[in-house]
Protein backbone atom coordinates (compact mmCIF):
# COMPACT_ATOMS: atom_id res chain seq x y z
CA MET A 1 -33.16 3.74 19.26
CA ALA A 2 -32.79 7.74 18.41
CA GLN A 3 -32.41 8.28 14.83
CA THR A 4 -28.79 9.71 15.52
CA ASP A 5 -27.89 6.43 17.28
CA LEU A 6 -29.00 4.40 14.57
CA LYS A 7 -27.51 6.55 11.65
CA SER A 8 -24.09 5.95 13.67
CA LEU A 9 -24.45 2.19 14.19
CA LYS A 10 -25.44 1.75 10.46
CA GLN A 11 -22.48 3.35 9.63
CA ARG A 12 -20.15 1.41 11.71
CA ILE A 13 -21.96 -1.79 10.26
CA VAL A 14 -20.90 -0.53 7.02
CA GLU A 15 -17.20 0.00 7.82
CA ALA A 16 -17.26 -3.56 9.46
CA THR A 17 -18.88 -5.56 6.21
CA LYS A 18 -18.13 -3.39 3.71
CA MET A 19 -21.64 -3.61 2.76
CA ASP A 20 -25.14 -1.32 3.09
CA LEU A 21 -27.74 -3.26 4.41
CA PRO A 22 -30.85 -2.32 3.36
CA GLU A 23 -33.09 -0.26 5.64
CA ASP A 24 -36.19 -3.27 6.02
CA LEU A 25 -33.52 -5.94 6.79
CA LEU A 26 -31.16 -3.63 9.33
CA HIS A 27 -34.65 -3.18 11.14
CA GLU A 28 -35.53 -6.66 11.22
CA LEU A 29 -32.35 -7.46 12.43
CA LEU A 30 -32.35 -4.66 15.43
CA SER A 31 -35.67 -5.12 16.33
CA SER A 32 -35.08 -8.87 17.02
CA MET A 33 -31.95 -7.91 19.18
CA THR A 34 -31.82 -7.82 23.27
CA GLU A 35 -29.99 -5.00 24.75
CA ILE A 36 -27.09 -5.88 27.26
CA LYS A 37 -25.46 -3.04 29.01
CA ALA A 38 -22.07 -3.68 30.60
CA ASN A 39 -19.18 -2.27 32.32
CA THR A 40 -15.38 -2.90 32.49
CA TYR A 41 -14.90 -6.54 33.18
CA ASP A 42 -18.27 -7.52 32.51
CA VAL A 43 -18.68 -10.91 30.98
CA ILE A 44 -21.38 -10.92 27.93
CA SER A 45 -20.49 -14.80 26.98
CA PRO A 46 -18.43 -16.94 29.42
CA ILE A 47 -15.91 -19.29 28.43
CA GLY A 48 -16.61 -22.98 28.57
CA GLU A 49 -20.22 -22.58 28.06
CA VAL A 50 -22.32 -23.12 24.69
CA ASP A 51 -23.42 -19.67 23.39
CA THR A 52 -25.17 -19.92 19.95
CA ASN A 53 -26.12 -16.21 20.24
CA LEU A 54 -24.74 -13.38 18.21
CA TYR A 55 -23.92 -10.59 19.69
CA LEU A 56 -23.17 -6.85 18.06
CA CYS A 57 -21.49 -4.39 19.92
CA LYS A 58 -23.33 -1.11 19.82
CA GLN A 59 -21.18 1.09 21.84
CA GLY A 60 -17.80 0.61 23.76
CA ILE A 61 -15.21 -2.33 23.00
CA VAL A 62 -15.73 -5.97 23.28
CA ARG A 63 -12.83 -8.58 24.16
CA TYR A 64 -12.27 -12.30 23.02
CA VAL A 65 -10.44 -13.52 25.92
CA TYR A 66 -8.64 -17.15 26.74
CA ASN A 67 -6.49 -18.77 29.17
CA SER A 68 -3.33 -20.26 28.40
CA GLY A 69 -1.98 -21.90 31.47
CA ASN A 70 -1.87 -19.23 34.22
CA ARG A 71 -2.30 -16.48 32.02
CA GLU A 72 -4.78 -14.31 30.20
CA VAL A 73 -4.95 -13.84 26.95
CA THR A 74 -6.60 -11.17 25.00
CA HIS A 75 -6.89 -12.33 21.17
CA TYR A 76 -9.52 -9.56 19.74
CA PHE A 77 -10.83 -6.04 20.16
CA ALA A 78 -14.22 -5.70 18.79
CA PRO A 79 -15.20 -1.88 18.01
CA ALA A 80 -18.80 -0.83 17.71
CA GLY A 81 -20.55 -2.02 14.63
CA HIS A 82 -18.73 -5.48 14.96
CA ILE A 83 -20.26 -8.73 15.22
CA LEU A 84 -19.32 -11.12 17.83
CA VAL A 85 -19.68 -15.32 18.00
CA SER A 86 -18.32 -18.26 19.39
CA TRP A 87 -17.61 -20.20 16.23
CA HIS A 88 -17.50 -23.37 18.42
CA SER A 89 -20.97 -22.83 19.82
CA TYR A 90 -22.28 -21.48 16.91
CA PHE A 91 -21.26 -24.36 14.30
CA HIS A 92 -20.82 -27.39 16.44
CA GLY A 93 -22.61 -26.85 19.74
CA LEU A 94 -19.30 -27.03 21.85
CA PRO A 95 -18.41 -24.78 24.73
CA SER A 96 -17.21 -21.66 23.96
CA PHE A 97 -12.80 -21.52 23.62
CA PHE A 98 -13.40 -17.67 24.16
CA GLN A 99 -14.94 -15.29 27.04
CA MET A 100 -16.28 -12.27 25.75
CA GLU A 101 -16.00 -9.47 27.79
CA ALA A 102 -16.55 -5.48 28.25
CA CYS A 103 -13.28 -3.75 28.39
CA CYS A 104 -14.74 0.17 28.65
CA LYS A 105 -17.72 1.87 30.71
CA ASN A 106 -20.68 2.16 29.22
CA THR A 107 -20.32 -0.97 26.41
CA VAL A 108 -23.61 -1.92 24.98
CA VAL A 109 -23.87 -5.08 22.88
CA LEU A 110 -27.41 -6.26 21.02
CA ARG A 111 -27.85 -10.28 21.44
CA LEU A 112 -29.56 -12.17 18.50
CA PRO A 113 -30.59 -15.40 19.08
CA LYS A 114 -29.12 -18.55 16.39
CA GLU A 115 -32.47 -19.43 15.25
CA LYS A 116 -33.29 -15.74 14.01
CA PHE A 117 -30.10 -15.08 12.09
CA ASP A 118 -30.42 -18.35 10.56
CA GLU A 119 -34.12 -17.60 9.89
CA MET A 120 -33.16 -14.15 7.84
CA VAL A 121 -30.21 -15.94 6.07
CA ARG A 122 -32.76 -18.36 4.56
CA LYS A 123 -35.24 -16.01 3.58
CA SER A 124 -32.88 -13.46 2.10
CA HIS A 125 -30.21 -13.53 -0.38
CA ILE A 126 -29.19 -9.84 0.45
CA PHE A 127 -28.75 -10.81 4.11
CA ALA A 128 -27.10 -14.28 3.35
CA GLN A 129 -24.50 -11.73 1.35
CA TRP A 130 -23.99 -9.62 3.86
CA VAL A 131 -23.03 -12.29 6.34
CA VAL A 132 -20.76 -13.42 3.95
CA ASN A 133 -19.30 -10.26 3.95
CA PHE A 134 -18.78 -10.26 7.92
CA TYR A 135 -17.37 -13.56 7.74
CA HIS A 136 -14.74 -11.97 5.05
CA SER A 137 -14.06 -9.44 7.66
CA GLN A 138 -13.14 -11.41 10.51
CA PHE A 139 -11.06 -13.34 8.66
CA PHE A 140 -9.36 -10.39 7.24
CA LEU A 141 -9.26 -8.66 10.53
CA PHE A 142 -7.55 -11.87 12.18
CA GLU A 143 -4.84 -11.98 9.40
CA ARG A 144 -4.27 -8.18 9.52
CA LYS A 145 -3.42 -8.58 13.45
CA ILE A 146 -1.00 -10.93 12.66
CA GLU A 147 0.35 -8.64 10.11
CA LEU A 148 0.54 -5.45 11.84
CA PHE A 149 0.94 -6.38 15.97
CA LYS A 150 4.74 -8.33 15.26
CA GLY A 151 7.79 -7.57 16.11
CA ASP A 152 8.68 -6.55 19.53
CA ALA A 153 6.74 -5.33 22.42
CA ARG A 154 7.83 -1.15 21.11
CA GLN A 155 6.50 -2.21 17.56
CA ARG A 156 3.49 -4.07 18.68
CA PHE A 157 2.41 -1.05 21.15
CA ASP A 158 3.19 1.59 18.24
CA ALA A 159 1.30 -0.69 16.03
CA LEU A 160 -1.64 -0.20 18.51
CA LEU A 161 -1.11 3.26 19.06
CA ALA A 162 -1.42 3.88 15.18
CA ASN A 163 -4.06 1.61 14.65
CA ARG A 164 -6.51 1.44 17.51
CA PRO A 165 -5.79 4.70 19.52
CA ASP A 166 -9.82 4.05 20.69
CA VAL A 167 -8.19 0.81 22.73
CA VAL A 168 -5.01 2.98 24.14
CA ARG A 169 -7.67 5.61 25.20
CA HIS A 170 -10.62 3.51 26.48
CA VAL A 171 -9.17 0.11 27.61
CA PRO A 172 -7.35 -0.65 30.70
CA LEU A 173 -3.75 -1.20 31.34
CA GLY A 174 -3.54 -4.69 31.98
CA ILE A 175 -6.03 -5.91 29.18
CA ILE A 176 -3.98 -4.19 26.96
CA ALA A 177 -0.99 -5.60 28.17
CA SER A 178 -2.48 -9.10 27.76
CA TYR A 179 -3.11 -8.25 24.28
CA LEU A 180 0.47 -7.29 23.58
CA GLY A 181 2.01 -10.17 25.49
CA ILE A 182 4.09 -7.77 27.93
CA THR A 183 3.37 -6.78 31.71
CA PRO A 184 1.33 -4.36 32.78
CA GLN A 185 4.47 -2.51 34.23
CA TYR A 186 6.24 -2.61 30.84
CA LEU A 187 3.49 -1.29 28.86
CA SER A 188 3.28 1.81 31.43
CA THR A 189 6.62 2.39 30.59
CA LEU A 190 6.27 2.07 26.54
CA ARG A 191 3.53 4.88 27.06
CA LYS A 192 5.72 7.05 29.09
CA LEU A 193 8.41 6.62 26.22
CA SER A 194 5.50 7.11 23.28
CA VAL A 195 4.54 10.59 25.22
CA THR A 196 8.12 11.58 25.59
CA LYS A 197 8.62 10.72 21.57
CA ARG A 198 5.57 13.02 20.72
């Protein structure tokens, strides 16, 4: 990994976990991971299968998506620096409830086996603290989503535009619509109104 790429990724990891991981631990973590390149709609970890790996979004945006009846629901967008994991699989060995899927071109994800992750947690208290920070960050983000993305469709779109402009710029309309709980056609109308308002 080029030095500038490494510096940028490290900065994003720190932003996501609110903790600086020492160089030796960061090197061990990243050198133990396998790179996966993906484009829009490519599945990184399928729904309904046991996948105990952890994933780190290196570049692009990855979404958690699930099916509710005949409707596809996007639950969360993970930007670069964020870790993704199926809690069903990781903790309980159960099939994943969510599918992890790239939602923009040139997405790059790093995959780490559970065994290596657990080994690093066992042997380093600093790494274990970093993992706790990661868990706290995940809980915060899920609560933050509920706090920000409420109200009618227009309010939810405005909140997305204000808080995640990267998603609005790079993610296809259909995926964004499934996150906001509206049709792509209505989302297109909201985008036009937003441009007019500016």
